[in-house]
Structures are given as structure tokens and as C-alpha cells.
């Protein structure tokens, strides 16, 4: 009898296959908090709202536009 193989947890970390966000999508999407524009950070797979100082994750190519799922931007961001 073989032992079950552990599956690594899902992550939103980008890799070489992380697709770019369609620029037309960035024209439509706005920050749900400020209703302001978003910037795409491909390295972190996030949509950034400078006005709200939040970074919304992109998981499996889908932007998660929920403030409670967003990461607060630090001074280094």
C-alpha cells in the first residue's frame, strides 16, 4: 500500500508562466475602496491601488477584488 503524496499549497506567487493582465481589463477594473485606478505588479501577481494603499492578489489568473483579501502596502511598496 502506498502512502498518500502531500500536495503543496496553492500559491499566487508568479513564475515564468504568469500571464500579463490584459490592458483592457485594467481600464475597466477600479479599486473597490477608492474607485481609483489600479496598477499591475507582475512580479508579485497583484493589482495595486496607490490611493487605498492596498494590493489585491491575482490567483489562477483571477483578480481577487475584496478589501479583506488585499495586502496593505508598506513603505517599501
PDB file of N, CA and C in Angstrom:
ATOM      1  N   UNK A   1       0.848  -1.169   0.000  1.00  0.00           N
ATOM      2  CA  UNK A   1       0.000   0.000   0.000  1.00  0.00           C
ATOM      3  C   UNK A   1       0.896   1.236   0.000  1.00  0.00           C
ATOM      4  N   UNK A   2       0.635   2.154  -0.900  1.00  0.00           N
ATOM      5  CA  UNK A   2       1.463   3.356  -0.970  1.00  0.00           C
ATOM      6  C   UNK A   2       0.891   4.440  -0.074  1.00  0.00           C
ATOM      7  N   UNK A   3       1.798   5.288   0.388  1.00  0.00           N
ATOM      8  CA  UNK A   3       1.386   6.402   1.245  1.00  0.00           C
ATOM      9  C   UNK A   3       0.913   7.559   0.377  1.00  0.00           C
ATOM     10  N   UNK A   4      -0.055   8.344   0.879  1.00  0.00           N
ATOM     11  CA  UNK A   4      -0.528   9.495   0.089  1.00  0.00           C
ATOM     12  C   UNK A   4       0.581  10.522  -0.087  1.00  0.00           C
ATOM     13  N   UNK A   5       0.573  11.154  -1.220  1.00  0.00           N
ATOM     14  CA  UNK A   5       1.550  12.187  -1.535  1.00  0.00           C
ATOM     15  C   UNK A   5       0.973  13.533  -1.146  1.00  0.00           C
ATOM     16  N   UNK A   6       1.750  14.294  -0.402  1.00  0.00           N
ATOM     17  CA  UNK A   6       1.299  15.621   0.015  1.00  0.00           C
ATOM     18  C   UNK A   6       1.320  16.565  -1.175  1.00  0.00           C
ATOM     19  N   UNK A   7       0.262  17.322  -1.328  1.00  0.00           N
ATOM     20  CA  UNK A   7       0.171  18.313  -2.391  1.00  0.00           C
ATOM     21  C   UNK A   7       0.571  19.664  -1.818  1.00  0.00           C
ATOM     22  N   UNK A   8       1.487  20.375  -2.467  1.00  0.00           N
ATOM     23  CA  UNK A   8       1.876  21.680  -1.947  1.00  0.00           C
ATOM     24  C   UNK A   8       0.698  22.640  -1.977  1.00  0.00           C
ATOM     25  N   UNK A   9       0.651  23.580  -1.028  1.00  0.00           N
ATOM     26  CA  UNK A   9      -0.461  24.531  -1.005  1.00  0.00           C
ATOM     27  C   UNK A   9      -0.462  25.423  -2.235  1.00  0.00           C
ATOM     28  N   UNK A  10      -1.654  25.824  -2.631  1.00  0.00           N
ATOM     29  CA  UNK A  10      -1.783  26.748  -3.764  1.00  0.00           C
ATOM     30  C   UNK A  10      -1.166  28.078  -3.387  1.00  0.00           C
ATOM     31  N   UNK A  11      -0.542  28.701  -4.340  1.00  0.00           N
ATOM     32  CA  UNK A  11       0.100  29.987  -4.089  1.00  0.00           C
ATOM     33  C   UNK A  11      -0.179  30.929  -5.243  1.00  0.00           C
ATOM     34  N   UNK A  12      -0.116  32.206  -4.946  1.00  0.00           N
ATOM     35  CA  UNK A  12      -0.304  33.190  -6.001  1.00  0.00           C
ATOM     36  C   UNK A  12       1.035  33.708  -6.505  1.00  0.00           C
ATOM     37  N   UNK A  13       2.127  33.066  -6.063  1.00  0.00           N
ATOM     38  CA  UNK A  13       3.447  33.512  -6.490  1.00  0.00           C
ATOM     39  C   UNK A  13       3.605  33.335  -7.992  1.00  0.00           C
ATOM     40  N   UNK A  14       4.046  34.369  -8.672  1.00  0.00           N
ATOM     41  CA  UNK A  14       4.195  34.285 -10.119  1.00  0.00           C
ATOM     42  C   UNK A  14       5.391  33.429 -10.502  1.00  0.00           C
ATOM     43  N   UNK A  15       5.378  32.918 -11.697  1.00  0.00           N
ATOM     44  CA  UNK A  15       6.515  32.216 -12.256  1.00  0.00           C
ATOM     45  C   UNK A  15       6.638  32.612 -13.720  1.00  0.00           C
ATOM     46  N   UNK A  16       7.423  31.891 -14.455  1.00  0.00           N
ATOM     47  CA  UNK A  16       7.661  32.240 -15.861  1.00  0.00           C
ATOM     48  C   UNK A  16       6.383  32.138 -16.700  1.00  0.00           C
ATOM     49  N   UNK A  17       5.393  31.402 -16.207  1.00  0.00           N
ATOM     50  CA  UNK A  17       4.165  31.238 -16.973  1.00  0.00           C
ATOM     51  C   UNK A  17       3.062  32.200 -16.545  1.00  0.00           C
ATOM     52  N   UNK A  18       3.353  33.096 -15.584  1.00  0.00           N
ATOM     53  CA  UNK A  18       2.349  34.053 -15.137  1.00  0.00           C
ATOM     54  C   UNK A  18       2.007  34.993 -16.292  1.00  0.00           C
ATOM     55  N   UNK A  19       0.753  34.970 -16.740  1.00  0.00           N
ATOM     56  CA  UNK A  19       0.387  35.829 -17.872  1.00  0.00           C
ATOM     57  C   UNK A  19       0.245  37.289 -17.433  1.00  0.00           C
ATOM     58  N   UNK A  20       0.447  38.164 -18.374  1.00  0.00           N
ATOM     59  CA  UNK A  20       0.207  39.571 -18.100  1.00  0.00           C
ATOM     60  C   UNK A  20      -1.295  39.813 -18.043  1.00  0.00           C
ATOM     61  N   UNK A  21      -1.681  40.827 -17.293  1.00  0.00           N
ATOM     62  CA  UNK A  21      -3.089  41.215 -17.236  1.00  0.00           C
ATOM     63  C   UNK A  21      -3.408  42.001 -18.504  1.00  0.00           C
ATOM     64  N   UNK A  22      -4.519  41.684 -19.108  1.00  0.00           N
ATOM     65  CA  UNK A  22      -4.960  42.370 -20.326  1.00  0.00           C
ATOM     66  C   UNK A  22      -5.126  43.856 -20.012  1.00  0.00           C
ATOM     67  N   UNK A  23      -4.479  44.743 -20.760  1.00  0.00           N
ATOM     68  CA  UNK A  23      -4.596  46.188 -20.510  1.00  0.00           C
ATOM     69  C   UNK A  23      -6.044  46.674 -20.540  1.00  0.00           C
ATOM     70  N   UNK A  24      -6.886  46.023 -21.344  1.00  0.00           N
ATOM     71  CA  UNK A  24      -8.303  46.422 -21.391  1.00  0.00           C
ATOM     72  C   UNK A  24      -8.990  46.133 -20.058  1.00  0.00           C
ATOM     73  N   UNK A  25      -8.549  45.071 -19.380  1.00  0.00           N
ATOM     74  CA  UNK A  25      -9.101  44.754 -18.067  1.00  0.00           C
ATOM     75  C   UNK A  25      -8.713  45.831 -17.052  1.00  0.00           C
ATOM     76  N   UNK A  26      -7.473  46.317 -17.137  1.00  0.00           N
ATOM     77  CA  UNK A  26      -7.036  47.378 -16.228  1.00  0.00           C
ATOM     78  C   UNK A  26      -7.799  48.683 -16.457  1.00  0.00           C
ATOM     79  N   UNK A  27      -8.279  48.898 -17.674  1.00  0.00           N
ATOM     80  CA  UNK A  27      -9.087  50.085 -17.952  1.00  0.00           C
ATOM     81  C   UNK A  27     -10.455  49.990 -17.299  1.00  0.00           C
ATOM     82  N   UNK A  28     -10.953  48.771 -17.118  1.00  0.00           N
ATOM     83  CA  UNK A  28     -12.293  48.561 -16.569  1.00  0.00           C
ATOM     84  C   UNK A  28     -12.281  48.443 -15.049  1.00  0.00           C
ATOM     85  N   UNK A  29     -11.311  47.692 -14.521  1.00  0.00           N
ATOM     86  CA  UNK A  29     -11.260  47.460 -13.076  1.00  0.00           C
ATOM     87  C   UNK A  29     -10.846  48.709 -12.324  1.00  0.00           C
ATOM     88  N   UNK A  30     -11.471  48.922 -11.177  1.00  0.00           N
ATOM     89  CA  UNK A  30     -11.084  50.009 -10.281  1.00  0.00           C
ATOM     90  C   UNK A  30     -11.011  49.449  -8.874  1.00  0.00           C
ATOM     91  N   UNK A  31     -10.342  50.156  -8.010  1.00  0.00           N
ATOM     92  CA  UNK A  31     -10.251  49.768  -6.610  1.00  0.00           C
ATOM     93  C   UNK A  31     -11.649  49.833  -5.993  1.00  0.00           C
ATOM     94  N   UNK A  32     -12.087  48.776  -5.315  1.00  0.00           N
ATOM     95  CA  UNK A  32     -13.415  48.799  -4.704  1.00  0.00           C
ATOM     96  C   UNK A  32     -13.522  49.761  -3.522  1.00  0.00           C
ATOM     97  N   UNK A  33     -12.401  50.206  -2.994  1.00  0.00           N
ATOM     98  CA  UNK A  33     -12.410  51.130  -1.857  1.00  0.00           C
ATOM     99  C   UNK A  33     -12.456  52.582  -2.337  1.00  0.00           C
ATOM    100  N   UNK A  34     -11.544  52.933  -3.256  1.00  0.00           N
ATOM    101  CA  UNK A  34     -11.425  54.331  -3.696  1.00  0.00           C
ATOM    102  C   UNK A  34     -12.079  54.604  -5.048  1.00  0.00           C
ATOM    103  N   UNK A  35     -12.379  53.551  -5.780  1.00  0.00           N
ATOM    104  CA  UNK A  35     -12.879  53.647  -7.158  1.00  0.00           C
ATOM    105  C   UNK A  35     -11.846  54.297  -8.080  1.00  0.00           C
ATOM    106  N   UNK A  36     -10.588  54.239  -7.655  1.00  0.00           N
ATOM    107  CA  UNK A  36      -9.492  54.787  -8.440  1.00  0.00           C
ATOM    108  C   UNK A  36      -8.815  53.728  -9.280  1.00  0.00           C
ATOM    109  N   UNK A  37      -7.822  54.127 -10.070  1.00  0.00           N
ATOM    110  CA  UNK A  37      -7.133  53.207 -10.985  1.00  0.00           C
ATOM    111  C   UNK A  37      -6.265  52.192 -10.242  1.00  0.00           C
ATOM    112  N   UNK A  38      -5.951  51.111 -10.954  1.00  0.00           N
ATOM    113  CA  UNK A  38      -5.100  50.054 -10.423  1.00  0.00           C
ATOM    114  C   UNK A  38      -3.875  49.894 -11.309  1.00  0.00           C
ATOM    115  N   UNK A  39      -2.769  49.495 -10.706  1.00  0.00           N
ATOM    116  CA  UNK A  39      -1.539  49.196 -11.436  1.00  0.00           C
ATOM    117  C   UNK A  39      -1.288  47.699 -11.301  1.00  0.00           C
ATOM    118  N   UNK A  40      -0.709  47.099 -12.342  1.00  0.00           N
ATOM    119  CA  UNK A  40      -0.398  45.678 -12.315  1.00  0.00           C
ATOM    120  C   UNK A  40       1.049  45.471 -11.922  1.00  0.00           C
ATOM    121  N   UNK A  41       1.277  44.671 -10.890  1.00  0.00           N
ATOM    122  CA  UNK A  41       2.622  44.279 -10.471  1.00  0.00           C
ATOM    123  C   UNK A  41       2.791  42.808 -10.833  1.00  0.00           C
ATOM    124  N   UNK A  42       3.437  42.560 -11.970  1.00  0.00           N
ATOM    125  CA  UNK A  42       3.590  41.190 -12.464  1.00  0.00           C
ATOM    126  C   UNK A  42       4.466  40.361 -11.530  1.00  0.00           C
ATOM    127  N   UNK A  43       5.503  40.948 -10.970  1.00  0.00           N
ATOM    128  CA  UNK A  43       6.427  40.215 -10.107  1.00  0.00           C
ATOM    129  C   UNK A  43       5.725  39.640  -8.881  1.00  0.00           C
ATOM    130  N   UNK A  44       4.735  40.360  -8.373  1.00  0.00           N
ATOM    131  CA  UNK A  44       4.022  39.902  -7.177  1.00  0.00           C
ATOM    132  C   UNK A  44       2.631  39.373  -7.496  1.00  0.00           C
ATOM    133  N   UNK A  45       2.238  39.397  -8.761  1.00  0.00           N
ATOM    134  CA  UNK A  45       0.901  38.962  -9.189  1.00  0.00           C
ATOM    135  C   UNK A  45      -0.172  39.658  -8.368  1.00  0.00           C
ATOM    136  N   UNK A  46      -0.126  40.996  -8.408  1.00  0.00           N
ATOM    137  CA  UNK A  46      -1.068  41.809  -7.642  1.00  0.00           C
ATOM    138  C   UNK A  46      -1.529  43.011  -8.464  1.00  0.00           C
ATOM    139  N   UNK A  47      -2.706  43.499  -8.131  1.00  0.00           N
ATOM    140  CA  UNK A  47      -3.189  44.774  -8.635  1.00  0.00           C
ATOM    141  C   UNK A  47      -3.060  45.762  -7.490  1.00  0.00           C
ATOM    142  N   UNK A  48      -2.401  46.872  -7.755  1.00  0.00           N
ATOM    143  CA  UNK A  48      -2.062  47.847  -6.719  1.00  0.00           C
ATOM    144  C   UNK A  48      -2.981  49.052  -6.798  1.00  0.00           C
ATOM    145  N   UNK A  49      -3.529  49.430  -5.643  1.00  0.00           N
ATOM    146  CA  UNK A  49      -4.281  50.673  -5.508  1.00  0.00           C
ATOM    147  C   UNK A  49      -3.441  51.611  -4.649  1.00  0.00           C
ATOM    148  N   UNK A  50      -2.822  52.587  -5.283  1.00  0.00           N
ATOM    149  CA  UNK A  50      -1.991  53.548  -4.538  1.00  0.00           C
ATOM    150  C   UNK A  50      -2.855  54.386  -3.605  1.00  0.00           C
ATOM    151  N   UNK A  51      -4.062  54.745  -4.039  1.00  0.00           N
ATOM    152  CA  UNK A  51      -4.946  55.572  -3.221  1.00  0.00           C
ATOM    153  C   UNK A  51      -5.371  54.892  -1.936  1.00  0.00           C
ATOM    154  N   UNK A  52      -5.683  53.606  -1.990  1.00  0.00           N
ATOM    155  CA  UNK A  52      -6.103  52.857  -0.803  1.00  0.00           C
ATOM    156  C   UNK A  52      -4.913  52.213  -0.095  1.00  0.00           C
ATOM    157  N   UNK A  53      -3.751  52.236  -0.751  1.00  0.00           N
ATOM    158  CA  UNK A  53      -2.547  51.582  -0.238  1.00  0.00           C
ATOM    159  C   UNK A  53      -2.791  50.099   0.011  1.00  0.00           C
ATOM    160  N   UNK A  54      -3.445  49.462  -1.004  1.00  0.00           N
ATOM    161  CA  UNK A  54      -3.759  48.040  -0.939  1.00  0.00           C
ATOM    162  C   UNK A  54      -3.263  47.333  -2.193  1.00  0.00           C
ATOM    163  N   UNK A  55      -2.916  46.059  -2.041  1.00  0.00           N
ATOM    164  CA  UNK A  55      -2.512  45.205  -3.160  1.00  0.00           C
ATOM    165  C   UNK A  55      -3.458  44.020  -3.201  1.00  0.00           C
ATOM    166  N   UNK A  56      -4.222  43.920  -4.289  1.00  0.00           N
ATOM    167  CA  UNK A  56      -5.188  42.841  -4.466  1.00  0.00           C
ATOM    168  C   UNK A  56      -4.507  41.670  -5.177  1.00  0.00           C
ATOM    169  N   UNK A  57      -4.589  40.467  -4.625  1.00  0.00           N
ATOM    170  CA  UNK A  57      -3.912  39.320  -5.240  1.00  0.00           C
ATOM    171  C   UNK A  57      -4.603  38.856  -6.518  1.00  0.00           C
ATOM    172  N   UNK A  58      -3.824  38.221  -7.371  1.00  0.00           N
ATOM    173  CA  UNK A  58      -4.351  37.566  -8.563  1.00  0.00           C
ATOM    174  C   UNK A  58      -4.073  36.081  -8.374  1.00  0.00           C
ATOM    175  N   UNK A  59      -5.126  35.286  -8.304  1.00  0.00           N
ATOM    176  CA  UNK A  59      -4.981  33.848  -8.089  1.00  0.00           C
ATOM    177  C   UNK A  59      -5.527  33.095  -9.292  1.00  0.00           C
ATOM    178  N   UNK A  60      -4.701  32.256  -9.860  1.00  0.00           N
ATOM    179  CA  UNK A  60      -5.091  31.479 -11.045  1.00  0.00           C
ATOM    180  C   UNK A  60      -5.638  32.380 -12.147  1.00  0.00           C
ATOM    181  N   UNK A  61      -5.038  33.563 -12.290  1.00  0.00           N
ATOM    182  CA  UNK A  61      -5.433  34.497 -13.338  1.00  0.00           C
ATOM    183  C   UNK A  61      -6.652  35.342 -13.023  1.00  0.00           C
ATOM    184  N   UNK A  62      -7.204  35.195 -11.806  1.00  0.00           N
ATOM    185  CA  UNK A  62      -8.417  35.925 -11.430  1.00  0.00           C
ATOM    186  C   UNK A  62      -8.084  36.965 -10.360  1.00  0.00           C
ATOM    187  N   UNK A  63      -8.323  38.258 -10.634  1.00  0.00           N
ATOM    188  CA  UNK A  63      -8.106  39.273  -9.602  1.00  0.00           C
ATOM    189  C   UNK A  63      -9.122  39.097  -8.468  1.00  0.00           C
ATOM    190  N   UNK A  64      -8.623  39.080  -7.249  1.00  0.00           N
ATOM    191  CA  UNK A  64      -9.477  38.959  -6.066  1.00  0.00           C
ATOM    192  C   UNK A  64      -9.675  40.376  -5.526  1.00  0.00           C
ATOM    193  N   UNK A  65     -10.795  40.971  -5.882  1.00  0.00           N
ATOM    194  CA  UNK A  65     -11.029  42.387  -5.597  1.00  0.00           C
ATOM    195  C   UNK A  65     -11.820  42.593  -4.289  1.00  0.00           C
ATOM    196  N   UNK A  66     -11.445  41.878  -3.259  1.00  0.00           N
ATOM    197  CA  UNK A  66     -12.084  42.009  -1.958  1.00  0.00           C
ATOM    198  C   UNK A  66     -11.111  42.695  -1.004  1.00  0.00           C
ATOM    199  N   UNK A  67     -11.508  43.812  -0.392  1.00  0.00           N
ATOM    200  CA  UNK A  67     -10.596  44.508   0.514  1.00  0.00           C
ATOM    201  C   UNK A  67     -10.048  43.620   1.628  1.00  0.00           C
ATOM    202  N   UNK A  68     -10.859  42.671   2.112  1.00  0.00           N
ATOM    203  CA  UNK A  68     -10.379  41.800   3.190  1.00  0.00           C
ATOM    204  C   UNK A  68      -9.331  40.793   2.709  1.00  0.00           C
ATOM    205  N   UNK A  69      -9.213  40.602   1.395  1.00  0.00           N
ATOM    206  CA  UNK A  69      -8.188  39.719   0.837  1.00  0.00           C
ATOM    207  C   UNK A  69      -6.931  40.488   0.436  1.00  0.00           C
ATOM    208  N   UNK A  70      -7.008  41.812   0.440  1.00  0.00           N
ATOM    209  CA  UNK A  70      -5.900  42.644  -0.012  1.00  0.00           C
ATOM    210  C   UNK A  70      -4.810  42.742   1.057  1.00  0.00           C
ATOM    211  N   UNK A  71      -3.612  42.989   0.567  1.00  0.00           N
ATOM    212  CA  UNK A  71      -2.456  43.199   1.443  1.00  0.00           C
ATOM    213  C   UNK A  71      -2.235  44.714   1.549  1.00  0.00           C
ATOM    214  N   UNK A  72      -1.973  45.184   2.769  1.00  0.00           N
ATOM    215  CA  UNK A  72      -1.680  46.615   2.940  1.00  0.00           C
ATOM    216  C   UNK A  72      -0.272  46.879   2.434  1.00  0.00           C
ATOM    217  N   UNK A  73      -0.127  47.970   1.685  1.00  0.00           N
ATOM    218  CA  UNK A  73       1.179  48.348   1.173  1.00  0.00           C
ATOM    219  C   UNK A  73       2.021  48.952   2.284  1.00  0.00           C
ATOM    220  N   UNK A  74       3.278  48.548   2.323  1.00  0.00           N
ATOM    221  CA  UNK A  74       4.206  49.121   3.272  1.00  0.00           C
ATOM    222  C   UNK A  74       4.967  50.287   2.666  1.00  0.00           C
ATOM    223  N   UNK A  75       5.864  50.852   3.423  1.00  0.00           N
ATOM    224  CA  UNK A  75       6.652  51.986   2.930  1.00  0.00           C
ATOM    225  C   UNK A  75       7.549  51.584   1.754  1.00  0.00           C
ATOM    226  N   UNK A  76       7.995  50.323   1.730  1.00  0.00           N
ATOM    227  CA  UNK A  76       8.867  49.857   0.655  1.00  0.00           C
ATOM    228  C   UNK A  76       8.113  49.650  -0.656  1.00  0.00           C
ATOM    229  N   UNK A  77       6.794  49.508  -0.571  1.00  0.00           N
ATOM    230  CA  UNK A  77       5.996  49.275  -1.768  1.00  0.00           C
ATOM    231  C   UNK A  77       5.748  50.605  -2.406  1.00  0.00           C
TER     232      UNK A  77
END
